[in-house]
């Protein structure tokens, strides 16, 4: 039933996901509840977890606070299940670089600044479960000139990668690192640093 509901919702999303933030929020709330209560549904090989992950990566750059918060909560939980399910692990690893790129775009400027802390939370399970892949993906993605914005220098990007990887296990410090990076990407210079 969850798969049929998801497939119907994907048809709506394919037309105009950004026009339906309430449906996106409810969709990920439902998927979060299902993942927590009955993870075996998601773990099945025939599940559509790759499509749900792709929808989540698109939704994290939406402009609605509650929608981005719910999608981020689902992503944290989903990524955390990588060690429990080959299906989830394959979905995340196959989309890893795109996920990191979209997180950085969202933190940079694409998502509202009020949602940056939720996006930052996704780095915690990514770091603990795929630290080498995360390090490499961050370096490659941030090596792109003017990404995520023209306001941030290569030196600041390198400093961010080091600070993020160092502080991923401290939620408080991670929030500060993510917020500083976001502010700098948005054209504000931060004088204080947790690095």
C-alpha atoms as a PDB file:
ATOM      1  CA  UNK A   1       0.000   0.000   0.000  1.00  0.00           C
ATOM      2  CA  UNK A   2       2.824   2.417   0.876  1.00  0.00           C
ATOM      3  CA  UNK A   3       4.432   1.734  -2.489  1.00  0.00           C
ATOM      4  CA  UNK A   4       1.184   2.411  -4.401  1.00  0.00           C
ATOM      5  CA  UNK A   5       0.612   5.617  -2.445  1.00  0.00           C
ATOM      6  CA  UNK A   6       4.204   6.656  -3.159  1.00  0.00           C
ATOM      7  CA  UNK A   7       3.876   5.971  -6.885  1.00  0.00           C
ATOM      8  CA  UNK A   8       0.716   8.081  -7.069  1.00  0.00           C
ATOM      9  CA  UNK A   9       2.428  10.886  -5.144  1.00  0.00           C
ATOM     10  CA  UNK A  10       5.455  10.731  -7.460  1.00  0.00           C
ATOM     11  CA  UNK A  11       3.153  11.495 -10.397  1.00  0.00           C
ATOM     12  CA  UNK A  12       2.066  14.668  -8.625  1.00  0.00           C
ATOM     13  CA  UNK A  13       5.684  15.499  -7.740  1.00  0.00           C
ATOM     14  CA  UNK A  14       6.800  15.069 -11.344  1.00  0.00           C
ATOM     15  CA  UNK A  15       4.450  17.844 -12.421  1.00  0.00           C
ATOM     16  CA  UNK A  16       5.191  20.445  -9.748  1.00  0.00           C
ATOM     17  CA  UNK A  17       6.587  19.368  -6.403  1.00  0.00           C
ATOM     18  CA  UNK A  18       7.195  22.955  -5.273  1.00  0.00           C
ATOM     19  CA  UNK A  19       3.495  23.784  -5.693  1.00  0.00           C
ATOM     20  CA  UNK A  20       2.531  21.214  -3.044  1.00  0.00           C
ATOM     21  CA  UNK A  21       4.724  21.676   0.051  1.00  0.00           C
ATOM     22  CA  UNK A  22       1.973  20.394   2.337  1.00  0.00           C
ATOM     23  CA  UNK A  23       1.763  17.123   0.396  1.00  0.00           C
ATOM     24  CA  UNK A  24       5.568  16.792   0.380  1.00  0.00           C
ATOM     25  CA  UNK A  25       5.625  17.324   4.142  1.00  0.00           C
ATOM     26  CA  UNK A  26       2.852  14.765   4.745  1.00  0.00           C
ATOM     27  CA  UNK A  27       4.500  12.292   2.358  1.00  0.00           C
ATOM     28  CA  UNK A  28       7.803  12.370   4.247  1.00  0.00           C
ATOM     29  CA  UNK A  29       6.061  12.321   7.598  1.00  0.00           C
ATOM     30  CA  UNK A  30       4.303   9.117   6.519  1.00  0.00           C
ATOM     31  CA  UNK A  31       7.549   7.620   5.230  1.00  0.00           C
ATOM     32  CA  UNK A  32       9.360   8.547   8.438  1.00  0.00           C
ATOM     33  CA  UNK A  33       6.677   6.846  10.530  1.00  0.00           C
ATOM     34  CA  UNK A  34       6.817   3.753   8.291  1.00  0.00           C
ATOM     35  CA  UNK A  35      10.602   3.630   8.453  1.00  0.00           C
ATOM     36  CA  UNK A  36      10.563   3.814  12.239  1.00  0.00           C
ATOM     37  CA  UNK A  37       7.669   1.410  12.811  1.00  0.00           C
ATOM     38  CA  UNK A  38       8.173  -1.125  10.004  1.00  0.00           C
ATOM     39  CA  UNK A  39      11.622  -0.736   8.423  1.00  0.00           C
ATOM     40  CA  UNK A  40      11.290  -4.087   6.670  1.00  0.00           C
ATOM     41  CA  UNK A  41       8.869  -2.406   4.244  1.00  0.00           C
ATOM     42  CA  UNK A  42      11.662  -0.110   3.115  1.00  0.00           C
ATOM     43  CA  UNK A  43      14.269  -2.863   3.146  1.00  0.00           C
ATOM     44  CA  UNK A  44      12.520  -5.012   0.561  1.00  0.00           C
ATOM     45  CA  UNK A  45      14.355  -5.158  -2.760  1.00  0.00           C
ATOM     46  CA  UNK A  46      11.224  -4.168  -4.686  1.00  0.00           C
ATOM     47  CA  UNK A  47      10.629  -1.066  -2.546  1.00  0.00           C
ATOM     48  CA  UNK A  48      10.853   2.317  -4.199  1.00  0.00           C
ATOM     49  CA  UNK A  49      13.323   3.757  -1.691  1.00  0.00           C
ATOM     50  CA  UNK A  50      15.566   5.130  -4.470  1.00  0.00           C
ATOM     51  CA  UNK A  51      12.671   7.175  -5.821  1.00  0.00           C
ATOM     52  CA  UNK A  52      11.809   8.405  -2.323  1.00  0.00           C
ATOM     53  CA  UNK A  53      15.448   9.391  -1.815  1.00  0.00           C
ATOM     54  CA  UNK A  54      15.503  11.306  -5.109  1.00  0.00           C
ATOM     55  CA  UNK A  55      12.314  13.124  -4.102  1.00  0.00           C
ATOM     56  CA  UNK A  56      13.913  13.999  -0.756  1.00  0.00           C
ATOM     57  CA  UNK A  57      16.995  15.411  -2.459  1.00  0.00           C
ATOM     58  CA  UNK A  58      14.778  17.635  -4.567  1.00  0.00           C
ATOM     59  CA  UNK A  59      12.629  18.661  -1.598  1.00  0.00           C
ATOM     60  CA  UNK A  60      15.491  19.804   0.651  1.00  0.00           C
ATOM     61  CA  UNK A  61      15.810  22.957  -1.411  1.00  0.00           C
ATOM     62  CA  UNK A  62      12.143  23.902  -1.094  1.00  0.00           C
ATOM     63  CA  UNK A  63      11.286  27.209   0.552  1.00  0.00           C
ATOM     64  CA  UNK A  64       8.935  25.968   3.279  1.00  0.00           C
ATOM     65  CA  UNK A  65      10.398  25.530   6.763  1.00  0.00           C
ATOM     66  CA  UNK A  66       8.231  22.629   7.937  1.00  0.00           C
ATOM     67  CA  UNK A  67       8.652  20.736   4.674  1.00  0.00           C
ATOM     68  CA  UNK A  68      12.450  20.958   4.724  1.00  0.00           C
ATOM     69  CA  UNK A  69      12.455  20.021   8.412  1.00  0.00           C
ATOM     70  CA  UNK A  70      10.386  16.870   7.798  1.00  0.00           C
ATOM     71  CA  UNK A  71      12.398  15.834   4.746  1.00  0.00           C
ATOM     72  CA  UNK A  72      15.624  16.317   6.733  1.00  0.00           C
ATOM     73  CA  UNK A  73      14.290  14.193   9.585  1.00  0.00           C
ATOM     74  CA  UNK A  74      13.469  11.430   7.091  1.00  0.00           C
ATOM     75  CA  UNK A  75      16.925  11.671   5.498  1.00  0.00           C
ATOM     76  CA  UNK A  76      18.686  11.409   8.880  1.00  0.00           C
ATOM     77  CA  UNK A  77      16.671   8.294   9.723  1.00  0.00           C
ATOM     78  CA  UNK A  78      16.997   6.762   6.248  1.00  0.00           C
ATOM     79  CA  UNK A  79      20.775   7.243   6.037  1.00  0.00           C
ATOM     80  CA  UNK A  80      21.057   5.831   9.558  1.00  0.00           C
ATOM     81  CA  UNK A  81      19.592   2.555   8.275  1.00  0.00           C
ATOM     82  CA  UNK A  82      22.438   1.976   5.805  1.00  0.00           C
ATOM     83  CA  UNK A  83      24.103  -0.632   8.003  1.00  0.00           C
ATOM     84  CA  UNK A  84      20.813  -2.463   8.491  1.00  0.00           C
ATOM     85  CA  UNK A  85      19.767  -2.872   4.878  1.00  0.00           C
ATOM     86  CA  UNK A  86      21.643  -3.489   1.620  1.00  0.00           C
ATOM     87  CA  UNK A  87      18.726  -1.858  -0.219  1.00  0.00           C
ATOM     88  CA  UNK A  88      19.112   1.392   1.742  1.00  0.00           C
ATOM     89  CA  UNK A  89      22.905   1.257   1.493  1.00  0.00           C
ATOM     90  CA  UNK A  90      22.749   0.814  -2.284  1.00  0.00           C
ATOM     91  CA  UNK A  91      20.233   3.663  -2.635  1.00  0.00           C
ATOM     92  CA  UNK A  92      22.388   6.078  -0.623  1.00  0.00           C
ATOM     93  CA  UNK A  93      25.739   5.119  -2.141  1.00  0.00           C
ATOM     94  CA  UNK A  94      24.393   5.300  -5.702  1.00  0.00           C
ATOM     95  CA  UNK A  95      23.091   8.844  -5.091  1.00  0.00           C
ATOM     96  CA  UNK A  96      25.791   9.940  -2.625  1.00  0.00           C
ATOM     97  CA  UNK A  97      27.434  12.734  -4.632  1.00  0.00           C
ATOM     98  CA  UNK A  98      24.093  14.185  -5.683  1.00  0.00           C
ATOM     99  CA  UNK A  99      22.908  14.102  -2.059  1.00  0.00           C
ATOM    100  CA  UNK A 100      26.009  15.964  -0.866  1.00  0.00           C
ATOM    101  CA  UNK A 101      25.677  18.476  -3.705  1.00  0.00           C
ATOM    102  CA  UNK A 102      22.037  19.195  -2.867  1.00  0.00           C
ATOM    103  CA  UNK A 103      22.827  19.509   0.860  1.00  0.00           C
ATOM    104  CA  UNK A 104      25.543  22.040   0.091  1.00  0.00           C
ATOM    105  CA  UNK A 105      23.261  23.937  -2.313  1.00  0.00           C
ATOM    106  CA  UNK A 106      20.557  24.048   0.350  1.00  0.00           C
ATOM    107  CA  UNK A 107      22.958  25.199   3.051  1.00  0.00           C
ATOM    108  CA  UNK A 108      24.532  27.689   0.647  1.00  0.00           C
ATOM    109  CA  UNK A 109      21.494  29.627  -0.530  1.00  0.00           C
ATOM    110  CA  UNK A 110      18.826  27.378  -2.054  1.00  0.00           C
ATOM    111  CA  UNK A 111      16.995  26.638   1.219  1.00  0.00           C
ATOM    112  CA  UNK A 112      15.775  29.225   3.732  1.00  0.00           C
ATOM    113  CA  UNK A 113      18.422  30.099   6.332  1.00  0.00           C
ATOM    114  CA  UNK A 114      16.045  28.949   9.079  1.00  0.00           C
ATOM    115  CA  UNK A 115      16.320  25.351   7.809  1.00  0.00           C
ATOM    116  CA  UNK A 116      20.115  25.146   7.650  1.00  0.00           C
ATOM    117  CA  UNK A 117      20.451  23.366  11.003  1.00  0.00           C
ATOM    118  CA  UNK A 118      18.139  20.553   9.835  1.00  0.00           C
ATOM    119  CA  UNK A 119      20.166  20.072   6.672  1.00  0.00           C
ATOM    120  CA  UNK A 120      23.328  20.002   8.756  1.00  0.00           C
ATOM    121  CA  UNK A 121      21.942  17.142  10.849  1.00  0.00           C
ATOM    122  CA  UNK A 122      22.120  14.892   7.781  1.00  0.00           C
ATOM    123  CA  UNK A 123      25.912  15.102   7.836  1.00  0.00           C
ATOM    124  CA  UNK A 124      26.069  13.228  11.170  1.00  0.00           C
ATOM    125  CA  UNK A 125      24.985   9.800   9.858  1.00  0.00           C
ATOM    126  CA  UNK A 126      26.795  10.408   6.567  1.00  0.00           C
ATOM    127  CA  UNK A 127      30.003  11.077   8.471  1.00  0.00           C
ATOM    128  CA  UNK A 128      29.714   8.133  10.819  1.00  0.00           C
ATOM    129  CA  UNK A 129      28.721   5.615   8.135  1.00  0.00           C
ATOM    130  CA  UNK A 130      30.608   6.885   5.052  1.00  0.00           C
ATOM    131  CA  UNK A 131      33.364   9.193   6.290  1.00  0.00           C
ATOM    132  CA  UNK A 132      35.835   8.548   3.453  1.00  0.00           C
ATOM    133  CA  UNK A 133      33.167   8.882   0.779  1.00  0.00           C
ATOM    134  CA  UNK A 134      31.850  12.057   2.438  1.00  0.00           C
ATOM    135  CA  UNK A 135      35.337  13.608   2.633  1.00  0.00           C
ATOM    136  CA  UNK A 136      35.986  12.889  -1.042  1.00  0.00           C
ATOM    137  CA  UNK A 137      32.552  14.052  -2.168  1.00  0.00           C
ATOM    138  CA  UNK A 138      32.836  17.316  -0.216  1.00  0.00           C
ATOM    139  CA  UNK A 139      36.276  18.048  -1.668  1.00  0.00           C
ATOM    140  CA  UNK A 140      35.228  17.303  -5.248  1.00  0.00           C
ATOM    141  CA  UNK A 141      31.930  19.170  -5.017  1.00  0.00           C
ATOM    142  CA  UNK A 142      33.373  22.248  -3.318  1.00  0.00           C
ATOM    143  CA  UNK A 143      36.286  22.419  -5.770  1.00  0.00           C
ATOM    144  CA  UNK A 144      33.793  23.742  -8.312  1.00  0.00           C
ATOM    145  CA  UNK A 145      34.252  27.472  -8.779  1.00  0.00           C
ATOM    146  CA  UNK A 146      31.378  29.625  -7.476  1.00  0.00           C
ATOM    147  CA  UNK A 147      29.692  26.647  -5.819  1.00  0.00           C
ATOM    148  CA  UNK A 148      27.525  26.870  -3.817  1.00  0.00           C
ATOM    149  CA  UNK A 149      27.867  30.640  -4.285  1.00  0.00           C
ATOM    150  CA  UNK A 150      30.383  33.191  -5.509  1.00  0.00           C
ATOM    151  CA  UNK A 151      30.720  34.621  -1.978  1.00  0.00           C
ATOM    152  CA  UNK A 152      32.848  31.807  -0.580  1.00  0.00           C
ATOM    153  CA  UNK A 153      36.536  31.291  -1.252  1.00  0.00           C
ATOM    154  CA  UNK A 154      38.338  28.011  -1.859  1.00  0.00           C
ATOM    155  CA  UNK A 155      40.185  28.502   1.433  1.00  0.00           C
ATOM    156  CA  UNK A 156      36.884  28.876   3.297  1.00  0.00           C
ATOM    157  CA  UNK A 157      35.535  25.767   1.593  1.00  0.00           C
ATOM    158  CA  UNK A 158      38.583  23.736   2.647  1.00  0.00           C
ATOM    159  CA  UNK A 159      38.283  25.049   6.188  1.00  0.00           C
ATOM    160  CA  UNK A 160      34.588  24.104   6.194  1.00  0.00           C
ATOM    161  CA  UNK A 161      35.318  20.524   5.089  1.00  0.00           C
ATOM    162  CA  UNK A 162      37.889  20.095   7.849  1.00  0.00           C
ATOM    163  CA  UNK A 163      35.645  21.616  10.514  1.00  0.00           C
ATOM    164  CA  UNK A 164      32.597  19.633   9.381  1.00  0.00           C
ATOM    165  CA  UNK A 165      34.401  16.301   9.462  1.00  0.00           C
ATOM    166  CA  UNK A 166      36.025  17.121  12.796  1.00  0.00           C
ATOM    167  CA  UNK A 167      32.789  18.232  14.478  1.00  0.00           C
ATOM    168  CA  UNK A 168      30.224  15.825  13.000  1.00  0.00           C
ATOM    169  CA  UNK A 169      29.891  14.011  16.323  1.00  0.00           C
ATOM    170  CA  UNK A 170      29.144  17.152  18.303  1.00  0.00           C
ATOM    171  CA  UNK A 171      25.717  18.438  17.348  1.00  0.00           C
ATOM    172  CA  UNK A 172      26.298  21.849  18.919  1.00  0.00           C
ATOM    173  CA  UNK A 173      29.630  22.436  17.176  1.00  0.00           C
ATOM    174  CA  UNK A 174      28.301  21.058  13.900  1.00  0.00           C
ATOM    175  CA  UNK A 175      25.424  23.553  13.969  1.00  0.00           C
ATOM    176  CA  UNK A 176      27.889  26.409  14.419  1.00  0.00           C
ATOM    177  CA  UNK A 177      30.095  25.180  11.543  1.00  0.00           C
ATOM    178  CA  UNK A 178      27.090  24.764   9.218  1.00  0.00           C
ATOM    179  CA  UNK A 179      25.607  28.153  10.178  1.00  0.00           C
ATOM    180  CA  UNK A 180      28.935  29.954   9.621  1.00  0.00           C
ATOM    181  CA  UNK A 181      29.330  28.325   6.218  1.00  0.00           C
ATOM    182  CA  UNK A 182      25.771  29.240   5.282  1.00  0.00           C
ATOM    183  CA  UNK A 183      26.237  32.851   6.364  1.00  0.00           C
ATOM    184  CA  UNK A 184      29.446  33.147   4.390  1.00  0.00           C
ATOM    185  CA  UNK A 185      27.765  31.622   1.325  1.00  0.00           C
ATOM    186  CA  UNK A 186      24.996  34.203   1.673  1.00  0.00           C
ATOM    187  CA  UNK A 187      27.504  37.070   1.710  1.00  0.00           C
ATOM    188  CA  UNK A 188      27.955  37.598   5.452  1.00  0.00           C
ATOM    189  CA  UNK A 189      31.436  37.320   6.876  1.00  0.00           C
ATOM    190  CA  UNK A 190      31.771  35.508  10.185  1.00  0.00           C
ATOM    191  CA  UNK A 191      34.566  36.577  12.522  1.00  0.00           C
ATOM    192  CA  UNK A 192      34.157  33.757  15.033  1.00  0.00           C
ATOM    193  CA  UNK A 193      34.957  30.158  14.332  1.00  0.00           C
ATOM    194  CA  UNK A 194      34.701  26.776  16.015  1.00  0.00           C
ATOM    195  CA  UNK A 195      37.290  25.220  13.752  1.00  0.00           C
END
